[in-house]
Amino acid sequence: MLKYLAILALIFALAIYVSIQNQRSAAEAAQQGAPPADTISAAKSHDNQAQNHPDITKWNSPPWYRLFTWPEGITTWAIILTLLAVAEQARESAKATQAVRDSLPHQERAAKAAVRNAEALINAERAWIIPELKCLCTQRADNRWYKADGVTPCTTEEVLRGEHLKYILKLTNMGRTPANVTGFQITYTLLPEGVRDLLPAAGNDATYREVNRFVAAGESGEILEPVIDVGEYTRGHWLPIRALEETAVFHGWVKYRHMFSAKEDQADFCYVYTVSLNHLSAVTKHTKYTQQGNSSHV
């Protein structure tokens, strides 16, 4: 814009110069063409001629003088400079627009990176509940079962009655902030021989409970009710299960909230009765710590 102002100032200077030159030329022409002063009629004739042809000196001026005459030449230059300034401004606006467009991918990548960083920070600080089925008895290296105190061994009669196959739900918070457990569901599914898929609607028996349980960061809590009695669930199917003709599956989920989200998260768990070990074994590939699909495969 400054360069156009400089050009405009130069044009005005040239216009002033041309105007002065025109006045000087007119004065000189008047002096050279005037008759003797003692002839009044000749003077009047000269005056009338000057009045009838005031621009006579203009036609004797160099051609380029016309570009700087007032007001025609100056108006033309003003229009030209205005159009040039508008064009220059349009180019600058186009450059600025293009610069904004070029910066959009960088801004998008920066925004995505910021979101990923925020998610990583939340995942590092949030609560993570891991549910598991905990046996009330303990099996030691001598393959004997011991009661909940860890000292008293179970008798043969108690093992035959399935006292060692009673479980409760244990919740462990692996995160850095507290979790509020709001409910859980435990489902028993009996799969026939050869069936390995646990469908979303699968379940012969399901137990749902609402709770309001806080689990501190790094701490564990136990849900003592209901007690999952494997022997009671498998009553009438014990022999086919032992013969591997059927498979007993205990699965479910726990819902909880953490301080970084108002929505509930869901942690899934899945256990299958292992005949060779005579206890429930976790199907770890189906243990999920966030809300995911409900379908699973045993």
Protein backbone atom coordinates (compact mmCIF):
# COMPACT_ATOMS: atom_id res chain seq x y z
CA MET A 1 0.00 0.00 0.00
CA LEU A 2 2.88 2.38 0.75
CA LYS A 3 4.25 2.02 -2.75
CA TYR A 4 0.92 3.10 -4.23
CA LEU A 5 0.90 6.16 -1.98
CA ALA A 6 4.41 7.00 -3.15
CA ILE A 7 3.35 6.67 -6.81
CA LEU A 8 0.29 8.82 -6.16
CA ALA A 9 2.46 11.52 -4.55
CA LEU A 10 4.79 11.43 -7.56
CA ILE A 11 1.83 11.82 -9.93
CA PHE A 12 0.56 14.84 -7.99
CA ALA A 13 4.05 16.36 -8.12
CA LEU A 14 4.16 15.85 -11.89
CA ALA A 15 0.65 17.32 -12.21
CA ILE A 16 1.79 20.44 -10.37
CA TYR A 17 4.87 20.62 -12.58
CA VAL A 18 2.78 20.28 -15.75
CA SER A 19 0.35 22.94 -14.51
CA ILE A 20 3.20 25.37 -13.87
CA GLN A 21 4.67 24.62 -17.30
CA ASN A 22 1.30 25.21 -18.97
CA GLN A 23 0.91 28.56 -17.23
CA ARG A 24 4.43 29.57 -18.19
CA SER A 25 3.89 28.53 -21.82
CA ALA A 26 0.62 30.44 -21.95
CA ALA A 27 2.26 33.56 -20.61
CA GLU A 28 5.12 33.32 -23.08
CA ALA A 29 2.75 32.73 -26.00
CA ALA A 30 0.68 35.74 -24.97
CA GLN A 31 3.73 37.97 -24.88
CA GLN A 32 5.08 36.75 -28.23
CA GLY A 33 1.78 37.03 -30.11
CA ALA A 34 0.62 40.42 -28.72
CA PRO A 35 0.53 43.50 -31.19
CA PRO A 36 2.01 46.89 -30.35
CA ALA A 37 0.60 48.45 -27.24
CA ASP A 38 -0.56 51.61 -29.08
CA THR A 39 -3.15 49.67 -31.07
CA ILE A 40 -6.20 49.20 -28.84
CA SER A 41 -8.22 47.33 -31.38
CA ALA A 42 -5.42 44.84 -31.93
CA ALA A 43 -5.14 44.29 -28.19
CA LYS A 44 -8.86 43.62 -27.91
CA SER A 45 -8.62 41.23 -30.84
CA HIS A 46 -5.75 39.42 -29.11
CA ASP A 47 -7.73 39.25 -25.86
CA ASN A 48 -10.74 37.82 -27.67
CA GLN A 49 -8.51 35.27 -29.37
CA ALA A 50 -6.97 34.28 -26.04
CA GLN A 51 -10.41 33.98 -24.47
CA ASN A 52 -11.78 31.89 -27.34
CA HIS A 53 -8.74 29.63 -27.30
CA PRO A 54 -7.64 29.33 -23.65
CA ASP A 55 -6.13 25.86 -24.19
CA ILE A 56 -4.06 26.73 -27.18
CA THR A 57 -0.82 26.12 -25.33
CA LYS A 58 -2.04 22.71 -24.29
CA TRP A 59 -1.84 21.44 -27.83
CA ASN A 60 1.74 22.60 -28.16
CA SER A 61 2.78 20.70 -25.02
CA PRO A 62 4.51 17.30 -25.17
CA PRO A 63 2.05 14.38 -25.47
CA TRP A 64 2.86 12.93 -22.10
CA TYR A 65 1.77 16.18 -20.43
CA ARG A 66 -1.83 15.18 -20.96
CA LEU A 67 -1.40 12.27 -18.50
CA PHE A 68 -0.80 14.76 -15.71
CA THR A 69 -3.28 17.51 -16.43
CA TRP A 70 -5.93 18.50 -13.90
CA PRO A 71 -8.47 17.04 -13.48
CA GLU A 72 -8.64 14.52 -16.37
CA GLY A 73 -5.17 13.00 -16.07
CA ILE A 74 -5.13 12.91 -12.28
CA THR A 75 -8.57 11.26 -12.16
CA THR A 76 -7.38 8.58 -14.58
CA TRP A 77 -4.32 7.87 -12.47
CA ALA A 78 -6.43 7.76 -9.30
CA ILE A 79 -8.71 5.15 -10.88
CA ILE A 80 -5.76 3.11 -12.11
CA LEU A 81 -4.03 3.18 -8.72
CA THR A 82 -7.27 2.32 -6.94
CA LEU A 83 -7.74 -0.74 -9.15
CA LEU A 84 -4.13 -1.77 -8.59
CA ALA A 85 -4.55 -1.39 -4.83
CA VAL A 86 -7.72 -3.46 -4.91
CA ALA A 87 -5.95 -6.16 -6.95
CA GLU A 88 -3.01 -6.13 -4.55
CA GLN A 89 -5.33 -6.45 -1.58
CA ALA A 90 -7.13 -9.33 -3.28
CA ARG A 91 -3.80 -11.10 -3.83
CA GLU A 92 -2.83 -10.59 -0.22
CA SER A 93 -6.22 -11.89 0.92
CA ALA A 94 -5.80 -14.93 -1.33
CA LYS A 95 -2.35 -15.57 0.16
CA ALA A 96 -3.73 -15.28 3.68
CA THR A 97 -6.61 -17.63 2.84
CA GLN A 98 -4.22 -20.14 1.31
CA ALA A 99 -1.98 -19.90 4.36
CA VAL A 100 -4.96 -20.68 6.59
CA ARG A 101 -5.87 -23.63 4.37
CA ASP A 102 -2.30 -24.90 4.47
CA SER A 103 -2.28 -24.64 8.24
CA LEU A 104 -5.51 -26.61 8.70
CA PRO A 105 -3.86 -30.07 8.38
CA HIS A 106 -1.23 -29.03 10.93
CA GLN A 107 -3.93 -27.74 13.26
CA GLU A 108 -5.93 -30.96 12.81
CA ARG A 109 -2.88 -33.08 13.59
CA ALA A 110 -2.13 -30.91 16.61
CA ALA A 111 -5.73 -31.25 17.81
CA LYS A 112 -5.64 -35.03 17.39
CA ALA A 113 -2.33 -35.18 19.22
CA ALA A 114 -3.81 -33.10 22.05
CA VAL A 115 -6.80 -35.46 22.25
CA ARG A 116 -4.50 -38.49 22.34
CA ASN A 117 -2.41 -36.89 25.06
CA ALA A 118 -5.54 -36.12 27.07
CA GLU A 119 -6.80 -39.67 26.65
CA ALA A 120 -3.43 -41.07 27.65
CA LEU A 121 -3.44 -38.88 30.76
CA ILE A 122 -6.97 -39.98 31.66
CA ASN A 123 -6.12 -43.64 31.11
CA ALA A 124 -3.08 -43.25 33.33
CA GLU A 125 -5.04 -41.62 36.16
CA ARG A 126 -8.50 -43.17 35.94
CA ALA A 127 -9.86 -46.17 37.84
CA TRP A 128 -9.62 -49.62 36.26
CA ILE A 129 -11.75 -52.35 37.84
CA ILE A 130 -10.72 -55.98 37.32
CA PRO A 131 -13.38 -58.48 38.39
CA GLU A 132 -12.56 -62.08 39.21
CA LEU A 133 -14.19 -65.05 40.86
CA LYS A 134 -12.36 -65.90 44.08
CA CYS A 135 -12.59 -69.39 45.56
CA LEU A 136 -13.44 -69.49 49.26
CA CYS A 137 -11.01 -72.41 49.65
CA THR A 138 -7.33 -72.56 48.73
CA GLN A 139 -5.52 -75.36 46.95
CA ARG A 140 -1.87 -75.67 47.91
CA ALA A 141 1.10 -77.37 46.32
CA ASP A 142 0.17 -80.66 48.05
CA ASN A 143 -3.08 -80.58 45.99
CA ARG A 144 -5.13 -80.48 49.18
CA TRP A 145 -7.90 -77.96 49.69
CA TYR A 146 -7.90 -75.67 52.70
CA LYS A 147 -10.73 -73.63 54.12
CA ALA A 148 -10.94 -69.84 54.05
CA ASP A 149 -8.62 -69.52 57.04
CA GLY A 150 -5.85 -71.12 54.96
CA VAL A 151 -4.96 -73.50 57.79
CA THR A 152 -7.78 -75.99 58.19
CA PRO A 153 -7.81 -78.62 55.43
CA CYS A 154 -11.08 -79.65 53.84
CA THR A 155 -12.18 -83.22 54.57
CA THR A 156 -12.85 -85.71 51.82
CA GLU A 157 -16.57 -85.48 52.51
CA GLU A 158 -16.47 -81.67 52.14
CA VAL A 159 -14.59 -81.93 48.86
CA LEU A 160 -17.12 -84.48 47.58
CA ARG A 161 -19.91 -82.10 48.53
CA GLY A 162 -18.21 -79.40 46.48
CA GLU A 163 -17.26 -77.07 49.35
CA HIS A 164 -14.11 -76.19 47.42
CA LEU A 165 -16.21 -74.98 44.46
CA LYS A 166 -17.77 -71.97 46.12
CA TYR A 167 -16.78 -68.57 44.80
CA ILE A 168 -17.39 -64.89 45.47
CA LEU A 169 -16.85 -61.84 43.28
CA LYS A 170 -13.62 -59.94 43.93
CA LEU A 171 -13.01 -56.45 42.58
CA THR A 172 -9.55 -54.91 42.23
CA ASN A 173 -8.94 -51.29 41.27
CA MET A 174 -5.75 -51.15 39.22
CA GLY A 175 -6.07 -47.42 38.58
CA ARG A 176 -4.87 -44.34 40.47
CA THR A 177 -8.26 -42.92 41.45
CA PRO A 178 -11.30 -44.41 43.21
CA ALA A 179 -14.05 -46.31 41.43
CA ASN A 180 -17.75 -46.42 42.24
CA VAL A 181 -19.17 -49.86 41.47
CA THR A 182 -22.87 -49.56 40.63
CA GLY A 183 -23.87 -53.10 39.73
CA PHE A 184 -22.83 -56.54 38.49
CA GLN A 185 -24.27 -59.60 36.79
CA ILE A 186 -23.20 -63.23 37.04
CA THR A 187 -24.49 -65.64 34.40
CA TYR A 188 -24.25 -69.42 34.21
CA THR A 189 -24.25 -71.01 30.76
CA LEU A 190 -24.13 -74.73 29.98
CA LEU A 191 -22.69 -75.38 26.55
CA PRO A 192 -23.35 -78.70 24.78
CA GLU A 193 -20.52 -80.79 23.40
CA GLY A 194 -18.71 -79.20 20.46
CA VAL A 195 -20.14 -75.71 21.04
CA ARG A 196 -17.43 -73.13 21.64
CA ASP A 197 -19.32 -69.88 21.04
CA LEU A 198 -20.83 -67.91 23.88
CA LEU A 199 -23.58 -65.92 22.18
CA PRO A 200 -24.70 -62.49 23.44
CA ALA A 201 -28.02 -63.89 24.70
CA ALA A 202 -26.46 -67.03 26.16
CA GLY A 203 -27.26 -67.92 29.73
CA ASN A 204 -29.22 -70.58 31.61
CA ASP A 205 -29.25 -68.56 34.81
CA ALA A 206 -28.38 -64.93 35.49
CA THR A 207 -28.12 -62.97 38.73
CA TYR A 208 -28.05 -59.17 38.69
CA ARG A 209 -27.39 -56.97 41.70
CA GLU A 210 -27.27 -53.22 42.13
CA VAL A 211 -24.59 -52.00 44.53
CA ASN A 212 -23.01 -48.75 45.65
CA ARG A 213 -19.46 -49.76 46.42
CA PHE A 214 -16.35 -47.59 46.36
CA VAL A 215 -13.01 -49.23 45.70
CA ALA A 216 -9.96 -47.07 46.41
CA ALA A 217 -7.00 -46.89 44.05
CA GLY A 218 -4.85 -50.00 44.31
CA GLU A 219 -7.30 -51.67 46.69
CA SER A 220 -9.56 -54.72 46.42
CA GLY A 221 -13.07 -55.40 47.62
CA GLU A 222 -15.17 -58.53 47.84
CA ILE A 223 -18.86 -59.02 47.13
CA LEU A 224 -19.85 -61.73 49.62
CA GLU A 225 -23.34 -62.25 48.23
CA PRO A 226 -24.32 -64.13 46.26
CA VAL A 227 -21.98 -67.07 46.75
CA ILE A 228 -21.45 -68.88 43.45
CA ASP A 229 -21.84 -72.57 44.25
CA VAL A 230 -20.60 -74.46 41.22
CA GLY A 231 -21.99 -77.74 42.57
CA GLU A 232 -25.44 -76.22 42.94
CA TYR A 233 -25.38 -74.76 39.44
CA THR A 234 -24.21 -78.00 37.83
CA ARG A 235 -26.61 -80.25 39.70
CA GLY A 236 -28.00 -82.85 37.32
CA HIS A 237 -25.23 -82.21 34.76
CA TRP A 238 -22.22 -83.22 36.79
CA LEU A 239 -21.58 -86.50 34.97
CA PRO A 240 -21.82 -85.03 31.42
CA ILE A 241 -19.53 -82.21 32.53
CA ARG A 242 -16.99 -84.63 33.97
CA ALA A 243 -17.21 -86.62 30.73
CA LEU A 244 -16.52 -83.43 28.70
CA GLU A 245 -19.87 -83.74 27.01
CA GLU A 246 -20.94 -80.37 28.38
CA THR A 247 -19.07 -77.26 29.46
CA ALA A 248 -20.00 -75.11 32.45
CA VAL A 249 -19.25 -71.42 31.93
CA PHE A 250 -19.60 -68.65 34.51
CA HIS A 251 -19.40 -65.17 33.03
CA GLY A 252 -20.66 -61.67 33.65
CA TRP A 253 -19.78 -58.02 33.99
CA VAL A 254 -19.30 -55.24 36.50
CA LYS A 255 -20.39 -51.66 35.89
CA TYR A 256 -18.61 -48.75 37.55
CA ARG A 257 -17.89 -45.05 37.26
CA HIS A 258 -14.67 -43.10 37.57
CA MET A 259 -14.02 -39.41 38.19
CA PHE A 260 -13.06 -38.62 34.58
CA SER A 261 -16.37 -39.64 33.01
CA ALA A 262 -20.06 -39.46 33.85
CA LYS A 263 -20.75 -42.61 31.83
CA GLU A 264 -20.50 -46.11 33.24
CA ASP A 265 -17.68 -48.41 32.19
CA GLN A 266 -18.05 -52.16 32.04
CA ALA A 267 -15.51 -54.82 32.95
CA ASP A 268 -16.24 -58.38 31.77
CA PHE A 269 -15.09 -61.70 33.17
CA CYS A 270 -15.40 -65.32 32.05
CA TYR A 271 -14.59 -68.60 33.81
CA VAL A 272 -14.95 -72.20 32.71
CA TYR A 273 -14.96 -75.30 34.90
CA THR A 274 -11.78 -77.27 34.15
CA VAL A 275 -12.35 -80.96 34.83
CA SER A 276 -8.67 -81.89 35.04
CA LEU A 277 -8.02 -79.19 37.68
CA ASN A 278 -11.37 -79.55 39.47
CA HIS A 279 -11.91 -75.79 39.74
CA LEU A 280 -12.87 -72.74 37.71
CA SER A 281 -10.24 -71.32 35.35
CA ALA A 282 -10.28 -67.78 33.98
CA VAL A 283 -10.64 -67.34 30.24
CA THR A 284 -8.26 -64.40 30.19
CA LYS A 285 -8.82 -63.46 26.55
CA HIS A 286 -12.41 -62.57 27.44
CA THR A 287 -11.55 -60.40 30.43
CA LYS A 288 -12.25 -56.85 29.27
CA TYR A 289 -11.68 -53.72 31.28
CA THR A 290 -13.72 -51.30 29.19
CA GLN A 291 -17.10 -51.27 27.50
CA GLN A 292 -16.89 -53.58 24.52
CA GLY A 293 -19.01 -56.00 22.54
CA ASN A 294 -20.94 -58.66 24.43
CA SER A 295 -20.12 -61.61 22.18
CA SER A 296 -17.32 -63.87 23.26
CA HIS A 297 -15.85 -67.26 22.53
CA VAL A 298 -14.94 -69.80 25.18
